[in-house]
Amino acid sequence: MAQEHYAGGCHCGAVRFTVDLDLDQSISCNCSICRKRGLILAFAPVNRFQLDAADGATQEYLFNKRMIRHQFCRACGVEAFSYGAMPDGTPMVAVNARCLDGVDPTALKPARYDGASH
């Protein structure tokens, strides 16, 4: 897959977004939160992400090194995306590929990432 345009959001629809992603570059992380939530993550520069949620629809959660700003829907609790930075400091968005409209997560082949060791 090359970079494509996707729409997605949380379970209840209060959080909606559009994003340009290459799902061939997705990862499955084993850190404590990704492992428990079963996240498959794909990354995009912030300027390729458009949040369409109503004001106040998300709640932020920080843990460990407090580098990733996990965004949860206040109504249904689904984490559809998070904000962070690439290793070079470029602001990015990590999108939960399971929250993309029309994407079958079982068709993805995410690379394994050892977030538990970082």
PDB file of N, CA and C in Angstrom:
ATOM      1  N   MET A   1       0.836  -1.191   0.000  1.00  0.00           N
ATOM      2  CA  MET A   1       0.000   0.000   0.000  1.00  0.00           C
ATOM      3  C   MET A   1       0.877   1.250   0.000  1.00  0.00           C
ATOM      4  N   ALA A   2       0.461   2.215  -0.709  1.00  0.00           N
ATOM      5  CA  ALA A   2       1.098   3.527  -0.649  1.00  0.00           C
ATOM      6  C   ALA A   2       0.277   4.383   0.300  1.00  0.00           C
ATOM      7  N   GLN A   3       0.719   5.593   0.486  1.00  0.00           N
ATOM      8  CA  GLN A   3      -0.036   6.489   1.357  1.00  0.00           C
ATOM      9  C   GLN A   3      -1.412   6.731   0.753  1.00  0.00           C
ATOM     10  N   GLU A   4      -2.437   6.578   1.582  1.00  0.00           N
ATOM     11  CA  GLU A   4      -3.820   6.790   1.142  1.00  0.00           C
ATOM     12  C   GLU A   4      -4.536   7.683   2.141  1.00  0.00           C
ATOM     13  N   HIS A   5      -5.667   8.218   1.707  1.00  0.00           N
ATOM     14  CA  HIS A   5      -6.487   9.084   2.554  1.00  0.00           C
ATOM     15  C   HIS A   5      -7.556   8.232   3.243  1.00  0.00           C
ATOM     16  N   TYR A   6      -7.668   8.364   4.555  1.00  0.00           N
ATOM     17  CA  TYR A   6      -8.621   7.583   5.336  1.00  0.00           C
ATOM     18  C   TYR A   6      -9.450   8.502   6.219  1.00  0.00           C
ATOM     19  N   ALA A   7     -10.624   8.021   6.576  1.00  0.00           N
ATOM     20  CA  ALA A   7     -11.453   8.636   7.611  1.00  0.00           C
ATOM     21  C   ALA A   7     -11.567   7.614   8.726  1.00  0.00           C
ATOM     22  N   GLY A   8     -11.775   8.102   9.930  1.00  0.00           N
ATOM     23  CA  GLY A   8     -11.918   7.180  11.043  1.00  0.00           C
ATOM     24  C   GLY A   8     -12.457   7.889  12.261  1.00  0.00           C
ATOM     25  N   GLY A   9     -12.554   7.139  13.351  1.00  0.00           N
ATOM     26  CA  GLY A   9     -13.043   7.724  14.587  1.00  0.00           C
ATOM     27  C   GLY A   9     -13.274   6.691  15.660  1.00  0.00           C
ATOM     28  N   CYS A  10     -13.867   7.142  16.726  1.00  0.00           N
ATOM     29  CA  CYS A  10     -14.142   6.287  17.878  1.00  0.00           C
ATOM     30  C   CYS A  10     -15.415   5.467  17.645  1.00  0.00           C
ATOM     31  N   HIS A  11     -15.806   4.704  18.628  1.00  0.00           N
ATOM     32  CA  HIS A  11     -16.978   3.832  18.522  1.00  0.00           C
ATOM     33  C   HIS A  11     -18.283   4.613  18.411  1.00  0.00           C
ATOM     34  N   CYS A  12     -18.437   5.652  19.225  1.00  0.00           N
ATOM     35  CA  CYS A  12     -19.713   6.378  19.256  1.00  0.00           C
ATOM     36  C   CYS A  12     -19.823   7.477  18.201  1.00  0.00           C
ATOM     37  N   GLY A  13     -18.703   7.837  17.570  1.00  0.00           N
ATOM     38  CA  GLY A  13     -18.731   8.857  16.533  1.00  0.00           C
ATOM     39  C   GLY A  13     -18.469  10.271  17.006  1.00  0.00           C
ATOM     40  N   ALA A  14     -18.261  10.475  18.293  1.00  0.00           N
ATOM     41  CA  ALA A  14     -17.977  11.821  18.796  1.00  0.00           C
ATOM     42  C   ALA A  14     -16.615  12.317  18.320  1.00  0.00           C
ATOM     43  N   VAL A  15     -15.661  11.405  18.105  1.00  0.00           N
ATOM     44  CA  VAL A  15     -14.332  11.738  17.603  1.00  0.00           C
ATOM     45  C   VAL A  15     -14.234  11.227  16.166  1.00  0.00           C
ATOM     46  N   ARG A  16     -14.037  12.135  15.229  1.00  0.00           N
ATOM     47  CA  ARG A  16     -13.874  11.793  13.814  1.00  0.00           C
ATOM     48  C   ARG A  16     -12.637  12.513  13.290  1.00  0.00           C
ATOM     49  N   PHE A  17     -11.964  11.895  12.331  1.00  0.00           N
ATOM     50  CA  PHE A  17     -10.772  12.491  11.750  1.00  0.00           C
ATOM     51  C   PHE A  17     -10.571  11.979  10.328  1.00  0.00           C
ATOM     52  N   THR A  18      -9.718  12.685   9.588  1.00  0.00           N
ATOM     53  CA  THR A  18      -9.212  12.211   8.311  1.00  0.00           C
ATOM     54  C   THR A  18      -7.692  12.286   8.390  1.00  0.00           C
ATOM     55  N   VAL A  19      -7.038  11.395   7.635  1.00  0.00           N
ATOM     56  CA  VAL A  19      -5.585  11.309   7.723  1.00  0.00           C
ATOM     57  C   VAL A  19      -5.029  10.642   6.467  1.00  0.00           C
ATOM     58  N   ASP A  20      -3.814  11.012   6.102  1.00  0.00           N
ATOM     59  CA  ASP A  20      -3.084  10.350   5.025  1.00  0.00           C
ATOM     60  C   ASP A  20      -2.045   9.435   5.659  1.00  0.00           C
ATOM     61  N   LEU A  21      -2.151   8.124   5.370  1.00  0.00           N
ATOM     62  CA  LEU A  21      -1.293   7.115   5.998  1.00  0.00           C
ATOM     63  C   LEU A  21      -0.821   6.087   4.986  1.00  0.00           C
ATOM     64  N   ASP A  22       0.306   5.442   5.306  1.00  0.00           N
ATOM     65  CA  ASP A  22       0.759   4.253   4.603  1.00  0.00           C
ATOM     66  C   ASP A  22       0.629   3.102   5.594  1.00  0.00           C
ATOM     67  N   LEU A  23      -0.417   2.300   5.450  1.00  0.00           N
ATOM     68  CA  LEU A  23      -0.659   1.219   6.409  1.00  0.00           C
ATOM     69  C   LEU A  23       0.362   0.089   6.315  1.00  0.00           C
ATOM     70  N   ASP A  24       1.173   0.076   5.250  1.00  0.00           N
ATOM     71  CA  ASP A  24       2.269  -0.901   5.181  1.00  0.00           C
ATOM     72  C   ASP A  24       3.346  -0.589   6.209  1.00  0.00           C
ATOM     73  N   GLN A  25       3.309   0.605   6.761  1.00  0.00           N
ATOM     74  CA  GLN A  25       4.296   1.022   7.765  1.00  0.00           C
ATOM     75  C   GLN A  25       3.723   0.950   9.181  1.00  0.00           C
ATOM     76  N   SER A  26       2.655   0.199   9.385  1.00  0.00           N
ATOM     77  CA  SER A  26       2.039   0.109  10.713  1.00  0.00           C
ATOM     78  C   SER A  26       2.891  -0.760  11.639  1.00  0.00           C
ATOM     79  N   ILE A  27       2.673  -0.559  12.941  1.00  0.00           N
ATOM     80  CA  ILE A  27       3.401  -1.337  13.946  1.00  0.00           C
ATOM     81  C   ILE A  27       2.428  -1.910  14.977  1.00  0.00           C
ATOM     82  N   SER A  28       2.887  -2.954  15.632  1.00  0.00           N
ATOM     83  CA  SER A  28       2.224  -3.522  16.797  1.00  0.00           C
ATOM     84  C   SER A  28       3.231  -3.413  17.930  1.00  0.00           C
ATOM     85  N   CYS A  29       2.927  -2.583  18.902  1.00  0.00           N
ATOM     86  CA  CYS A  29       3.844  -2.280  19.998  1.00  0.00           C
ATOM     87  C   CYS A  29       3.497  -3.134  21.217  1.00  0.00           C
ATOM     88  N   ASN A  30       4.516  -3.515  21.983  1.00  0.00           N
ATOM     89  CA  ASN A  30       4.289  -4.326  23.177  1.00  0.00           C
ATOM     90  C   ASN A  30       4.400  -3.528  24.474  1.00  0.00           C
ATOM     91  N   CYS A  31       4.333  -2.196  24.401  1.00  0.00           N
ATOM     92  CA  CYS A  31       4.354  -1.422  25.647  1.00  0.00           C
ATOM     93  C   CYS A  31       3.079  -1.725  26.435  1.00  0.00           C
ATOM     94  N   SER A  32       3.041  -1.304  27.665  1.00  0.00           N
ATOM     95  CA  SER A  32       1.934  -1.684  28.545  1.00  0.00           C
ATOM     96  C   SER A  32       0.567  -1.245  28.027  1.00  0.00           C
ATOM     97  N   ILE A  33       0.452  -0.063  27.437  1.00  0.00           N
ATOM     98  CA  ILE A  33      -0.864   0.394  26.991  1.00  0.00           C
ATOM     99  C   ILE A  33      -1.251  -0.196  25.638  1.00  0.00           C
ATOM    100  N   CYS A  34      -0.308  -0.247  24.690  1.00  0.00           N
ATOM    101  CA  CYS A  34      -0.623  -0.817  23.365  1.00  0.00           C
ATOM    102  C   CYS A  34      -0.971  -2.296  23.484  1.00  0.00           C
ATOM    103  N   ARG A  35      -0.246  -3.008  24.310  1.00  0.00           N
ATOM    104  CA  ARG A  35      -0.499  -4.442  24.497  1.00  0.00           C
ATOM    105  C   ARG A  35      -1.898  -4.664  25.068  1.00  0.00           C
ATOM    106  N   LYS A  36      -2.265  -3.913  26.081  1.00  0.00           N
ATOM    107  CA  LYS A  36      -3.577  -4.098  26.718  1.00  0.00           C
ATOM    108  C   LYS A  36      -4.732  -3.644  25.833  1.00  0.00           C
ATOM    109  N   ARG A  37      -4.490  -2.649  24.991  1.00  0.00           N
ATOM    110  CA  ARG A  37      -5.549  -2.128  24.121  1.00  0.00           C
ATOM    111  C   ARG A  37      -5.570  -2.786  22.746  1.00  0.00           C
ATOM    112  N   GLY A  38      -4.532  -3.559  22.407  1.00  0.00           N
ATOM    113  CA  GLY A  38      -4.483  -4.229  21.111  1.00  0.00           C
ATOM    114  C   GLY A  38      -4.318  -3.262  19.945  1.00  0.00           C
ATOM    115  N   LEU A  39      -3.588  -2.174  20.179  1.00  0.00           N
ATOM    116  CA  LEU A  39      -3.441  -1.143  19.163  1.00  0.00           C
ATOM    117  C   LEU A  39      -2.551  -1.587  18.006  1.00  0.00           C
ATOM    118  N   ILE A  40      -2.953  -1.232  16.798  1.00  0.00           N
ATOM    119  CA  ILE A  40      -2.121  -1.299  15.602  1.00  0.00           C
ATOM    120  C   ILE A  40      -1.957   0.151  15.182  1.00  0.00           C
ATOM    121  N   LEU A  41      -0.733   0.634  15.171  1.00  0.00           N
ATOM    122  CA  LEU A  41      -0.491   2.054  14.960  1.00  0.00           C
ATOM    123  C   LEU A  41       0.121   2.345  13.593  1.00  0.00           C
ATOM    124  N   ALA A  42      -0.337   3.431  12.995  1.00  0.00           N
ATOM    125  CA  ALA A  42       0.241   3.969  11.769  1.00  0.00           C
ATOM    126  C   ALA A  42       0.481   5.456  12.026  1.00  0.00           C
ATOM    127  N   PHE A  43       1.535   5.988  11.446  1.00  0.00           N
ATOM    128  CA  PHE A  43       1.991   7.333  11.788  1.00  0.00           C
ATOM    129  C   PHE A  43       1.869   8.298  10.623  1.00  0.00           C
ATOM    130  N   ALA A  44       1.570   9.548  10.967  1.00  0.00           N
ATOM    131  CA  ALA A  44       1.448  10.606   9.968  1.00  0.00           C
ATOM    132  C   ALA A  44       1.964  11.910  10.564  1.00  0.00           C
ATOM    133  N   PRO A  45       2.564  12.759   9.737  1.00  0.00           N
ATOM    134  CA  PRO A  45       2.892  14.099  10.216  1.00  0.00           C
ATOM    135  C   PRO A  45       1.598  14.817  10.620  1.00  0.00           C
ATOM    136  N   VAL A  46       1.684  15.687  11.591  1.00  0.00           N
ATOM    137  CA  VAL A  46       0.501  16.396  12.091  1.00  0.00           C
ATOM    138  C   VAL A  46      -0.234  17.121  10.963  1.00  0.00           C
ATOM    139  N   ASN A  47       0.490  17.637   9.975  1.00  0.00           N
ATOM    140  CA  ASN A  47      -0.176  18.381   8.898  1.00  0.00           C
ATOM    141  C   ASN A  47      -0.936  17.465   7.939  1.00  0.00           C
ATOM    142  N   ARG A  48      -0.848  16.154   8.097  1.00  0.00           N
ATOM    143  CA  ARG A  48      -1.605  15.185   7.286  1.00  0.00           C
ATOM    144  C   ARG A  48      -2.798  14.625   8.055  1.00  0.00           C
ATOM    145  N   PHE A  49      -3.094  15.202   9.222  1.00  0.00           N
ATOM    146  CA  PHE A  49      -4.166  14.738  10.112  1.00  0.00           C
ATOM    147  C   PHE A  49      -5.130  15.881  10.354  1.00  0.00           C
ATOM    148  N   GLN A  50      -6.418  15.615  10.211  1.00  0.00           N
ATOM    149  CA  GLN A  50      -7.441  16.639  10.465  1.00  0.00           C
ATOM    150  C   GLN A  50      -8.445  16.085  11.463  1.00  0.00           C
ATOM    151  N   LEU A  51      -8.487  16.651  12.651  1.00  0.00           N
ATOM    152  CA  LEU A  51      -9.442  16.240  13.678  1.00  0.00           C
ATOM    153  C   LEU A  51     -10.756  16.961  13.439  1.00  0.00           C
ATOM    154  N   ASP A  52     -11.835  16.200  13.346  1.00  0.00           N
ATOM    155  CA  ASP A  52     -13.156  16.758  13.099  1.00  0.00           C
ATOM    156  C   ASP A  52     -14.075  16.622  14.308  1.00  0.00           C
ATOM    157  N   ALA A  53     -13.511  16.306  15.450  1.00  0.00           N
ATOM    158  CA  ALA A  53     -14.311  16.112  16.664  1.00  0.00           C
ATOM    159  C   ALA A  53     -14.811  17.448  17.192  1.00  0.00           C
ATOM    160  N   ALA A  54     -15.919  17.381  17.885  1.00  0.00           N
ATOM    161  CA  ALA A  54     -16.424  18.571  18.568  1.00  0.00           C
ATOM    162  C   ALA A  54     -15.482  18.921  19.718  1.00  0.00           C
ATOM    163  N   ASP A  55     -15.425  20.202  20.065  1.00  0.00           N
ATOM    164  CA  ASP A  55     -14.574  20.623  21.182  1.00  0.00           C
ATOM    165  C   ASP A  55     -14.912  19.830  22.434  1.00  0.00           C
ATOM    166  N   GLY A  56     -13.886  19.388  23.126  1.00  0.00           N
ATOM    167  CA  GLY A  56     -14.083  18.674  24.384  1.00  0.00           C
ATOM    168  C   GLY A  56     -14.425  17.204  24.230  1.00  0.00           C
ATOM    169  N   ALA A  57     -14.362  16.655  23.010  1.00  0.00           N
ATOM    170  CA  ALA A  57     -14.723  15.250  22.802  1.00  0.00           C
ATOM    171  C   ALA A  57     -13.651  14.295  23.296  1.00  0.00           C
ATOM    172  N   THR A  58     -12.411  14.778  23.406  1.00  0.00           N
ATOM    173  CA  THR A  58     -11.327  13.883  23.815  1.00  0.00           C
ATOM    174  C   THR A  58     -10.812  14.207  25.206  1.00  0.00           C
ATOM    175  N   GLN A  59     -10.247  13.181  25.812  1.00  0.00           N
ATOM    176  CA  GLN A  59      -9.569  13.274  27.104  1.00  0.00           C
ATOM    177  C   GLN A  59      -8.143  12.802  26.877  1.00  0.00           C
ATOM    178  N   GLU A  60      -7.173  13.510  27.412  1.00  0.00           N
ATOM    179  CA  GLU A  60      -5.769  13.139  27.223  1.00  0.00           C
ATOM    180  C   GLU A  60      -5.277  12.284  28.388  1.00  0.00           C
ATOM    181  N   TYR A  61      -4.416  11.313  28.054  1.00  0.00           N
ATOM    182  CA  TYR A  61      -3.804  10.454  29.058  1.00  0.00           C
ATOM    183  C   TYR A  61      -2.308  10.389  28.808  1.00  0.00           C
ATOM    184  N   LEU A  62      -1.517  10.655  29.835  1.00  0.00           N
ATOM    185  CA  LEU A  62      -0.059  10.583  29.772  1.00  0.00           C
ATOM    186  C   LEU A  62       0.426   9.565  30.791  1.00  0.00           C
ATOM    187  N   PHE A  63       1.472   8.820  30.435  1.00  0.00           N
ATOM    188  CA  PHE A  63       2.070   7.898  31.402  1.00  0.00           C
ATOM    189  C   PHE A  63       3.546   7.730  31.082  1.00  0.00           C
ATOM    190  N   ASN A  64       4.259   7.005  31.912  1.00  0.00           N
ATOM    191  CA  ASN A  64       5.664   6.688  31.750  1.00  0.00           C
ATOM    192  C   ASN A  64       6.470   7.963  31.507  1.00  0.00           C
ATOM    193  N   LYS A  65       7.083   8.120  30.360  1.00  0.00           N
ATOM    194  CA  LYS A  65       7.919   9.288  30.056  1.00  0.00           C
ATOM    195  C   LYS A  65       7.096  10.509  29.648  1.00  0.00           C
ATOM    196  N   ARG A  66       5.788  10.341  29.535  1.00  0.00           N
ATOM    197  CA  ARG A  66       4.862  11.429  29.225  1.00  0.00           C
ATOM    198  C   ARG A  66       5.168  12.093  27.888  1.00  0.00           C
ATOM    199  N   MET A  67       5.641  11.293  26.931  1.00  0.00           N
ATOM    200  CA  MET A  67       6.020  11.800  25.619  1.00  0.00           C
ATOM    201  C   MET A  67       4.883  11.658  24.605  1.00  0.00           C
ATOM    202  N   ILE A  68       4.011  10.684  24.816  1.00  0.00           N
ATOM    203  CA  ILE A  68       2.904  10.444  23.896  1.00  0.00           C
ATOM    204  C   ILE A  68       1.620  10.905  24.566  1.00  0.00           C
ATOM    205  N   ARG A  69       0.865  11.732  23.868  1.00  0.00           N
ATOM    206  CA  ARG A  69      -0.376  12.295  24.411  1.00  0.00           C
ATOM    207  C   ARG A  69      -1.552  11.477  23.871  1.00  0.00           C
ATOM    208  N   HIS A  70      -1.901  10.416  24.583  1.00  0.00           N
ATOM    209  CA  HIS A  70      -2.984   9.517  24.177  1.00  0.00           C
ATOM    210  C   HIS A  70      -4.315  10.247  24.278  1.00  0.00           C
ATOM    211  N   GLN A  71      -5.143  10.145  23.221  1.00  0.00           N
ATOM    212  CA  GLN A  71      -6.422  10.836  23.150  1.00  0.00           C
ATOM    213  C   GLN A  71      -7.556   9.811  23.174  1.00  0.00           C
ATOM    214  N   PHE A  72      -8.414   9.911  24.165  1.00  0.00           N
ATOM    215  CA  PHE A  72      -9.540   8.995  24.332  1.00  0.00           C
ATOM    216  C   PHE A  72     -10.842   9.756  24.162  1.00  0.00           C
ATOM    217  N   CYS A  73     -11.842   9.110  23.580  1.00  0.00           N
ATOM    218  CA  CYS A  73     -13.167   9.712  23.504  1.00  0.00           C
ATOM    219  C   CYS A  73     -13.751   9.772  24.905  1.00  0.00           C
ATOM    220  N   ARG A  74     -14.255  10.920  25.291  1.00  0.00           N
ATOM    221  CA  ARG A  74     -14.861  11.079  26.625  1.00  0.00           C
ATOM    222  C   ARG A  74     -16.140  10.250  26.771  1.00  0.00           C
ATOM    223  N   ALA A  75     -16.820   9.972  25.665  1.00  0.00           N
ATOM    224  CA  ALA A  75     -18.091   9.242  25.739  1.00  0.00           C
ATOM    225  C   ALA A  75     -17.893   7.724  25.734  1.00  0.00           C
ATOM    226  N   CYS A  76     -17.150   7.186  24.760  1.00  0.00           N
ATOM    227  CA  CYS A  76     -17.059   5.723  24.634  1.00  0.00           C
ATOM    228  C   CYS A  76     -15.726   5.141  25.095  1.00  0.00           C
ATOM    229  N   GLY A  77     -14.714   5.973  25.318  1.00  0.00           N
ATOM    230  CA  GLY A  77     -13.438   5.513  25.845  1.00  0.00           C
ATOM    231  C   GLY A  77     -12.445   4.983  24.828  1.00  0.00           C
ATOM    232  N   VAL A  78     -12.766   4.996  23.554  1.00  0.00           N
ATOM    233  CA  VAL A  78     -11.870   4.455  22.530  1.00  0.00           C
ATOM    234  C   VAL A  78     -10.719   5.421  22.264  1.00  0.00           C
ATOM    235  N   GLU A  79      -9.496   4.862  22.184  1.00  0.00           N
ATOM    236  CA  GLU A  79      -8.333   5.650  21.791  1.00  0.00           C
ATOM    237  C   GLU A  79      -8.155   5.510  20.283  1.00  0.00           C
ATOM    238  N   ALA A  80      -8.526   6.529  19.539  1.00  0.00           N
ATOM    239  CA  ALA A  80      -8.439   6.489  18.088  1.00  0.00           C
ATOM    240  C   ALA A  80      -7.101   7.024  17.582  1.00  0.00           C
ATOM    241  N   PHE A  81      -6.432   7.857  18.374  1.00  0.00           N
ATOM    242  CA  PHE A  81      -5.156   8.435  17.962  1.00  0.00           C
ATOM    243  C   PHE A  81      -4.426   9.002  19.167  1.00  0.00           C
ATOM    244  N   SER A  82      -3.166   9.350  18.947  1.00  0.00           N
ATOM    245  CA  SER A  82      -2.371  10.039  19.960  1.00  0.00           C
ATOM    246  C   SER A  82      -1.409  10.989  19.270  1.00  0.00           C
ATOM    247  N   TYR A  83      -0.932  11.961  20.012  1.00  0.00           N
ATOM    248  CA  TYR A  83       0.042  12.913  19.503  1.00  0.00           C
ATOM    249  C   TYR A  83       1.404  12.595  20.103  1.00  0.00           C
ATOM    250  N   GLY A  84       2.448  12.824  19.324  1.00  0.00           N
ATOM    251  CA  GLY A  84       3.804  12.610  19.813  1.00  0.00           C
ATOM    252  C   GLY A  84       4.782  13.257  18.843  1.00  0.00           C
ATOM    253  N   ALA A  85       6.007  12.724  18.834  1.00  0.00           N
ATOM    254  CA  ALA A  85       7.042  13.226  17.934  1.00  0.00           C
ATOM    255  C   ALA A  85       7.849  12.051  17.403  1.00  0.00           C
ATOM    256  N   MET A  86       8.297  12.190  16.175  1.00  0.00           N
ATOM    257  CA  MET A  86       9.184  11.199  15.577  1.00  0.00           C
ATOM    258  C   MET A  86      10.548  11.323  16.262  1.00  0.00           C
ATOM    259  N   PRO A  87      11.429  10.348  16.081  1.00  0.00           N
ATOM    260  CA  PRO A  87      12.752  10.426  16.719  1.00  0.00           C
ATOM    261  C   PRO A  87      13.519  11.714  16.405  1.00  0.00           C
ATOM    262  N   ASP A  88      13.275  12.304  15.237  1.00  0.00           N
ATOM    263  CA  ASP A  88      13.960  13.555  14.887  1.00  0.00           C
ATOM    264  C   ASP A  88      13.258  14.794  15.446  1.00  0.00           C
ATOM    265  N   GLY A  89      12.169  14.588  16.203  1.00  0.00           N
ATOM    266  CA  GLY A  89      11.442  15.693  16.826  1.00  0.00           C
ATOM    267  C   GLY A  89      10.266  16.218  16.023  1.00  0.00           C
ATOM    268  N   THR A  90      10.055  15.713  14.815  1.00  0.00           N
ATOM    269  CA  THR A  90       8.933  16.150  13.994  1.00  0.00           C
ATOM    270  C   THR A  90       7.611  15.759  14.648  1.00  0.00           C
ATOM    271  N   PRO A  91       6.697  16.708  14.861  1.00  0.00           N
ATOM    272  CA  PRO A  91       5.395  16.369  15.442  1.00  0.00           C
ATOM    273  C   PRO A  91       4.648  15.368  14.557  1.00  0.00           C
ATOM    274  N   MET A  92       4.043  14.368  15.197  1.00  0.00           N
ATOM    275  CA  MET A  92       3.312  13.342  14.448  1.00  0.00           C
ATOM    276  C   MET A  92       2.065  12.930  15.202  1.00  0.00           C
ATOM    277  N   VAL A  93       1.231  12.179  14.468  1.00  0.00           N
ATOM    278  CA  VAL A  93       0.031  11.580  15.033  1.00  0.00           C
ATOM    279  C   VAL A  93       0.159  10.067  14.836  1.00  0.00           C
ATOM    280  N   ALA A  94      -0.120   9.319  15.873  1.00  0.00           N
ATOM    281  CA  ALA A  94      -0.177   7.858  15.780  1.00  0.00           C
ATOM    282  C   ALA A  94      -1.655   7.481  15.759  1.00  0.00           C
ATOM    283  N   VAL A  95      -2.088   6.893  14.668  1.00  0.00           N
ATOM    284  CA  VAL A  95      -3.498   6.549  14.485  1.00  0.00           C
ATOM    285  C   VAL A  95      -3.694   5.072  14.765  1.00  0.00           C
ATOM    286  N   ASN A  96      -4.738   4.758  15.517  1.00  0.00           N
ATOM    287  CA  ASN A  96      -5.114   3.371  15.768  1.00  0.00           C
ATOM    288  C   ASN A  96      -5.788   2.857  14.492  1.00  0.00           C
ATOM    289  N   ALA A  97      -5.082   2.001  13.743  1.00  0.00           N
ATOM    290  CA  ALA A  97      -5.608   1.507  12.467  1.00  0.00           C
ATOM    291  C   ALA A  97      -6.925   0.760  12.636  1.00  0.00           C
ATOM    292  N   ARG A  98      -7.202   0.251  13.816  1.00  0.00           N
ATOM    293  CA  ARG A  98      -8.478  -0.427  14.082  1.00  0.00           C
ATOM    294  C   ARG A  98      -9.650   0.543  14.070  1.00  0.00           C
ATOM    295  N   CYS A  99      -9.364   1.845  14.093  1.00  0.00           N
ATOM    296  CA  CYS A  99     -10.405   2.869  14.097  1.00  0.00           C
ATOM    297  C   CYS A  99     -10.622   3.501  12.724  1.00  0.00           C
ATOM    298  N   LEU A 100      -9.979   2.967  11.685  1.00  0.00           N
ATOM    299  CA  LEU A 100     -10.145   3.507  10.336  1.00  0.00           C
ATOM    300  C   LEU A 100     -11.341   2.865   9.655  1.00  0.00           C
ATOM    301  N   ASP A 101     -12.169   3.690   9.035  1.00  0.00           N
ATOM    302  CA  ASP A 101     -13.346   3.200   8.317  1.00  0.00           C
ATOM    303  C   ASP A 101     -12.916   2.319   7.139  1.00  0.00           C
ATOM    304  N   GLY A 102     -13.542   1.163   6.999  1.00  0.00           N
ATOM    305  CA  GLY A 102     -13.325   0.303   5.847  1.00  0.00           C
ATOM    306  C   GLY A 102     -12.011  -0.445   5.817  1.00  0.00           C
ATOM    307  N   VAL A 103     -11.243  -0.416   6.893  1.00  0.00           N
ATOM    308  CA  VAL A 103      -9.966  -1.132   6.953  1.00  0.00           C
ATOM    309  C   VAL A 103     -10.150  -2.396   7.783  1.00  0.00           C
ATOM    310  N   ASP A 104      -9.762  -3.525   7.211  1.00  0.00           N
ATOM    311  CA  ASP A 104      -9.808  -4.801   7.923  1.00  0.00           C
ATOM    312  C   ASP A 104      -8.473  -4.980   8.635  1.00  0.00           C
ATOM    313  N   PRO A 105      -8.419  -4.838   9.960  1.00  0.00           N
ATOM    314  CA  PRO A 105      -7.134  -4.934  10.664  1.00  0.00           C
ATOM    315  C   PRO A 105      -6.467  -6.298  10.528  1.00  0.00           C
ATOM    316  N   THR A 106      -7.239  -7.353  10.235  1.00  0.00           N
ATOM    317  CA  THR A 106      -6.620  -8.672  10.071  1.00  0.00           C
ATOM    318  C   THR A 106      -5.848  -8.770   8.754  1.00  0.00           C
ATOM    319  N   ALA A 107      -6.087  -7.841   7.825  1.00  0.00           N
ATOM    320  CA  ALA A 107      -5.353  -7.823   6.559  1.00  0.00           C
ATOM    321  C   ALA A 107      -4.016  -7.084   6.683  1.00  0.00           C
ATOM    322  N   LEU A 108      -3.818  -6.367   7.774  1.00  0.00           N
ATOM    323  CA  LEU A 108      -2.573  -5.619   7.979  1.00  0.00           C
ATOM    324  C   LEU A 108      -1.476  -6.556   8.476  1.00  0.00           C
ATOM    325  N   LYS A 109      -0.248  -6.184   8.180  1.00  0.00           N
ATOM    326  CA  LYS A 109       0.912  -6.941   8.632  1.00  0.00           C
ATOM    327  C   LYS A 109       1.848  -5.989   9.378  1.00  0.00           C
ATOM    328  N   PRO A 110       1.438  -5.580  10.584  1.00  0.00           N
ATOM    329  CA  PRO A 110       2.246  -4.600  11.310  1.00  0.00           C
ATOM    330  C   PRO A 110       3.592  -5.189  11.748  1.00  0.00           C
ATOM    331  N   ALA A 111       4.618  -4.354  11.688  1.00  0.00           N
ATOM    332  CA  ALA A 111       5.933  -4.732  12.216  1.00  0.00           C
ATOM    333  C   ALA A 111       5.843  -4.733  13.737  1.00  0.00           C
ATOM    334  N   ARG A 112       6.588  -5.596  14.350  1.00  0.00           N
ATOM    335  CA  ARG A 112       6.629  -5.624  15.819  1.00  0.00           C
ATOM    336  C   ARG A 112       7.587  -4.553  16.313  1.00  0.00           C
ATOM    337  N   TYR A 113       7.162  -3.829  17.345  1.00  0.00           N
ATOM    338  CA  TYR A 113       8.000  -2.803  17.949  1.00  0.00           C
ATOM    339  C   TYR A 113       8.095  -3.076  19.441  1.00  0.00           C
ATOM    340  N   ASP A 114       9.312  -3.089  19.966  1.00  0.00           N
ATOM    341  CA  ASP A 114       9.542  -3.391  21.382  1.00  0.00           C
ATOM    342  C   ASP A 114       9.485  -2.123  22.227  1.00  0.00           C
ATOM    343  N   GLY A 115       8.284  -1.590  22.376  1.00  0.00           N
ATOM    344  CA  GLY A 115       8.102  -0.397  23.200  1.00  0.00           C
ATOM    345  C   GLY A 115       8.290  -0.654  24.675  1.00  0.00           C
ATOM    346  N   ALA A 116       8.160  -1.896  25.105  1.00  0.00           N
ATOM    347  CA  ALA A 116       8.335  -2.233  26.519  1.00  0.00           C
ATOM    348  C   ALA A 116       9.771  -1.985  26.977  1.00  0.00           C
ATOM    349  N   SER A 117      10.718  -2.020  26.066  1.00  0.00           N
ATOM    350  CA  SER A 117      12.129  -1.816  26.411  1.00  0.00           C
ATOM    351  C   SER A 117      12.577  -0.367  26.266  1.00  0.00           C
ATOM    352  N   HIS A 118      11.702   0.500  25.816  1.00  0.00           N
ATOM    353  CA  HIS A 118      12.090   1.907  25.596  1.00  0.00           C
ATOM    354  C   HIS A 118      11.503   2.828  26.608  1.00  0.00           C
TER     355      HIS A 118
END
